[in-house]
């Protein structure tokens, strides 16, 4: 059974780059037809799809974040990573990594000086 665990800094300063890692257990991230996804939820708002990296390794990013977000994977470590550059307080949110109906517990990221 696949399990996901997010890790990364809880506090990031404005203009810096946020980097979050999702560690996958229970199956390889290269498994056919699996899509590894990042989603976030700002306080008081709904869920926002950030992007995904499927088993093919070809990423897809939300157009609204495409200029700042990137997703990569490390198949040796069975991890995938989100990088979000030039963060602002509007990027404050709980960030989740997901695969289908499987979700990590989420990690709170606050952007503040």
C-alpha atoms as a PDB file:
ATOM      1  CA  UNK A   1       0.000   0.000   0.000  1.00  0.00           C
ATOM      2  CA  UNK A   2       1.421   3.358  -1.065  1.00  0.00           C
ATOM      3  CA  UNK A   3       2.108   5.897   1.662  1.00  0.00           C
ATOM      4  CA  UNK A   4       3.291   9.483   1.260  1.00  0.00           C
ATOM      5  CA  UNK A   5       5.156  11.788   3.616  1.00  0.00           C
ATOM      6  CA  UNK A   6       5.904  15.446   3.006  1.00  0.00           C
ATOM      7  CA  UNK A   7       8.966  17.168   4.420  1.00  0.00           C
ATOM      8  CA  UNK A   8      10.388  20.637   4.218  1.00  0.00           C
ATOM      9  CA  UNK A   9      10.722  23.934   6.042  1.00  0.00           C
ATOM     10  CA  UNK A  10       7.730  25.282   7.861  1.00  0.00           C
ATOM     11  CA  UNK A  11       8.806  28.896   7.458  1.00  0.00           C
ATOM     12  CA  UNK A  12      10.154  30.575   4.354  1.00  0.00           C
ATOM     13  CA  UNK A  13      11.032  34.214   3.837  1.00  0.00           C
ATOM     14  CA  UNK A  14       9.480  36.214   1.010  1.00  0.00           C
ATOM     15  CA  UNK A  15      11.345  36.032  -2.306  1.00  0.00           C
ATOM     16  CA  UNK A  16      13.048  32.780  -1.328  1.00  0.00           C
ATOM     17  CA  UNK A  17      12.527  29.395  -2.943  1.00  0.00           C
ATOM     18  CA  UNK A  18      10.382  26.830  -1.200  1.00  0.00           C
ATOM     19  CA  UNK A  19      11.447  23.224  -1.559  1.00  0.00           C
ATOM     20  CA  UNK A  20       9.268  20.344  -0.391  1.00  0.00           C
ATOM     21  CA  UNK A  21       9.950  16.645  -0.722  1.00  0.00           C
ATOM     22  CA  UNK A  22       7.484  13.786  -0.766  1.00  0.00           C
ATOM     23  CA  UNK A  23       8.872  10.421   0.228  1.00  0.00           C
ATOM     24  CA  UNK A  24       6.980   7.484  -1.226  1.00  0.00           C
ATOM     25  CA  UNK A  25       6.814   4.062   0.362  1.00  0.00           C
ATOM     26  CA  UNK A  26       4.974   0.948  -0.699  1.00  0.00           C
ATOM     27  CA  UNK A  27       5.803   1.139  -4.383  1.00  0.00           C
ATOM     28  CA  UNK A  28       8.181   2.716  -6.901  1.00  0.00           C
ATOM     29  CA  UNK A  29       7.344   6.152  -8.274  1.00  0.00           C
ATOM     30  CA  UNK A  30       7.964   4.769 -11.752  1.00  0.00           C
ATOM     31  CA  UNK A  31       4.952   2.477 -11.459  1.00  0.00           C
ATOM     32  CA  UNK A  32       2.880   2.663 -14.628  1.00  0.00           C
ATOM     33  CA  UNK A  33      -0.071   5.043 -14.644  1.00  0.00           C
ATOM     34  CA  UNK A  34       0.713   6.579 -11.263  1.00  0.00           C
ATOM     35  CA  UNK A  35       0.585  10.381 -11.112  1.00  0.00           C
ATOM     36  CA  UNK A  36       2.436  12.045  -8.245  1.00  0.00           C
ATOM     37  CA  UNK A  37       0.791  15.316  -7.416  1.00  0.00           C
ATOM     38  CA  UNK A  38       1.253  18.421  -5.308  1.00  0.00           C
ATOM     39  CA  UNK A  39      -1.820  20.228  -3.975  1.00  0.00           C
ATOM     40  CA  UNK A  40      -2.081  23.093  -1.536  1.00  0.00           C
ATOM     41  CA  UNK A  41      -4.753  24.729   0.569  1.00  0.00           C
ATOM     42  CA  UNK A  42      -4.302  28.326   1.694  1.00  0.00           C
ATOM     43  CA  UNK A  43      -5.975  29.293   4.960  1.00  0.00           C
ATOM     44  CA  UNK A  44      -9.693  29.734   4.490  1.00  0.00           C
ATOM     45  CA  UNK A  45      -9.576  28.734   0.821  1.00  0.00           C
ATOM     46  CA  UNK A  46     -10.110  25.657  -1.271  1.00  0.00           C
ATOM     47  CA  UNK A  47      -7.665  23.156  -2.660  1.00  0.00           C
ATOM     48  CA  UNK A  48      -5.370  24.257  -5.464  1.00  0.00           C
ATOM     49  CA  UNK A  49      -3.718  21.809  -7.826  1.00  0.00           C
ATOM     50  CA  UNK A  50      -0.060  22.758  -8.248  1.00  0.00           C
ATOM     51  CA  UNK A  51       1.073  20.069 -10.656  1.00  0.00           C
ATOM     52  CA  UNK A  52       2.133  16.498 -11.097  1.00  0.00           C
ATOM     53  CA  UNK A  53       4.874  14.262 -12.348  1.00  0.00           C
ATOM     54  CA  UNK A  54       3.559  11.012 -13.731  1.00  0.00           C
ATOM     55  CA  UNK A  55       5.315   7.712 -14.205  1.00  0.00           C
ATOM     56  CA  UNK A  56       6.646   9.033 -17.525  1.00  0.00           C
ATOM     57  CA  UNK A  57       8.582  11.761 -15.736  1.00  0.00           C
ATOM     58  CA  UNK A  58       6.959  14.512 -17.825  1.00  0.00           C
ATOM     59  CA  UNK A  59       5.678  17.207 -15.525  1.00  0.00           C
ATOM     60  CA  UNK A  60       2.537  19.307 -15.789  1.00  0.00           C
ATOM     61  CA  UNK A  61       2.186  22.526 -13.810  1.00  0.00           C
ATOM     62  CA  UNK A  62      -0.813  24.712 -13.082  1.00  0.00           C
ATOM     63  CA  UNK A  63      -0.554  27.565 -15.624  1.00  0.00           C
ATOM     64  CA  UNK A  64      -0.987  30.108 -12.848  1.00  0.00           C
ATOM     65  CA  UNK A  65       2.170  28.799 -11.186  1.00  0.00           C
ATOM     66  CA  UNK A  66       4.149  27.693 -14.213  1.00  0.00           C
ATOM     67  CA  UNK A  67       6.610  30.558 -14.039  1.00  0.00           C
ATOM     68  CA  UNK A  68       7.548  29.730 -10.439  1.00  0.00           C
ATOM     69  CA  UNK A  69       6.908  26.044  -9.824  1.00  0.00           C
ATOM     70  CA  UNK A  70       8.782  22.939 -10.834  1.00  0.00           C
ATOM     71  CA  UNK A  71       8.419  19.293  -9.914  1.00  0.00           C
ATOM     72  CA  UNK A  72      11.147  16.709 -10.152  1.00  0.00           C
ATOM     73  CA  UNK A  73      11.773  13.199  -8.960  1.00  0.00           C
ATOM     74  CA  UNK A  74      14.583  11.100  -7.577  1.00  0.00           C
ATOM     75  CA  UNK A  75      13.891   7.515  -8.529  1.00  0.00           C
ATOM     76  CA  UNK A  76      16.805   6.230  -6.452  1.00  0.00           C
ATOM     77  CA  UNK A  77      15.322   7.754  -3.301  1.00  0.00           C
ATOM     78  CA  UNK A  78      11.716   7.186  -4.390  1.00  0.00           C
ATOM     79  CA  UNK A  79      10.934  10.844  -3.814  1.00  0.00           C
ATOM     80  CA  UNK A  80       9.450  13.716  -5.741  1.00  0.00           C
ATOM     81  CA  UNK A  81      10.064  17.352  -5.015  1.00  0.00           C
ATOM     82  CA  UNK A  82       8.269  20.651  -5.431  1.00  0.00           C
ATOM     83  CA  UNK A  83      10.190  23.870  -5.831  1.00  0.00           C
ATOM     84  CA  UNK A  84       8.372  27.185  -5.763  1.00  0.00           C
ATOM     85  CA  UNK A  85      10.441  30.296  -6.357  1.00  0.00           C
ATOM     86  CA  UNK A  86       9.873  33.925  -5.405  1.00  0.00           C
ATOM     87  CA  UNK A  87       7.404  33.035  -2.683  1.00  0.00           C
ATOM     88  CA  UNK A  88       5.133  35.617  -1.090  1.00  0.00           C
ATOM     89  CA  UNK A  89       2.705  35.481   1.841  1.00  0.00           C
ATOM     90  CA  UNK A  90       0.060  34.362  -0.667  1.00  0.00           C
ATOM     91  CA  UNK A  91       1.922  31.059  -0.911  1.00  0.00           C
ATOM     92  CA  UNK A  92       1.221  30.327   2.743  1.00  0.00           C
ATOM     93  CA  UNK A  93      -0.714  27.071   2.768  1.00  0.00           C
ATOM     94  CA  UNK A  94      -0.828  23.454   3.793  1.00  0.00           C
ATOM     95  CA  UNK A  95       0.951  21.537   1.066  1.00  0.00           C
ATOM     96  CA  UNK A  96       0.001  17.955   0.275  1.00  0.00           C
ATOM     97  CA  UNK A  97       1.553  15.320  -1.919  1.00  0.00           C
ATOM     98  CA  UNK A  98      -0.932  12.879  -3.334  1.00  0.00           C
ATOM     99  CA  UNK A  99      -1.307   9.920  -5.645  1.00  0.00           C
ATOM    100  CA  UNK A 100      -4.894   9.220  -6.561  1.00  0.00           C
ATOM    101  CA  UNK A 101      -6.843   8.815  -3.360  1.00  0.00           C
ATOM    102  CA  UNK A 102      -3.696   8.491  -1.273  1.00  0.00           C
ATOM    103  CA  UNK A 103      -2.645  11.674   0.488  1.00  0.00           C
ATOM    104  CA  UNK A 104       0.196  12.626   2.743  1.00  0.00           C
ATOM    105  CA  UNK A 105      -0.649  14.233   6.053  1.00  0.00           C
ATOM    106  CA  UNK A 106       0.232  17.668   4.703  1.00  0.00           C
ATOM    107  CA  UNK A 107       2.832  20.165   5.806  1.00  0.00           C
ATOM    108  CA  UNK A 108       2.188  23.740   6.826  1.00  0.00           C
ATOM    109  CA  UNK A 109       4.299  26.319   5.032  1.00  0.00           C
ATOM    110  CA  UNK A 110       4.243  29.922   6.169  1.00  0.00           C
ATOM    111  CA  UNK A 111       5.834  32.689   4.150  1.00  0.00           C
ATOM    112  CA  UNK A 112       6.820  35.511   6.426  1.00  0.00           C
ATOM    113  CA  UNK A 113       9.762  37.731   7.156  1.00  0.00           C
END
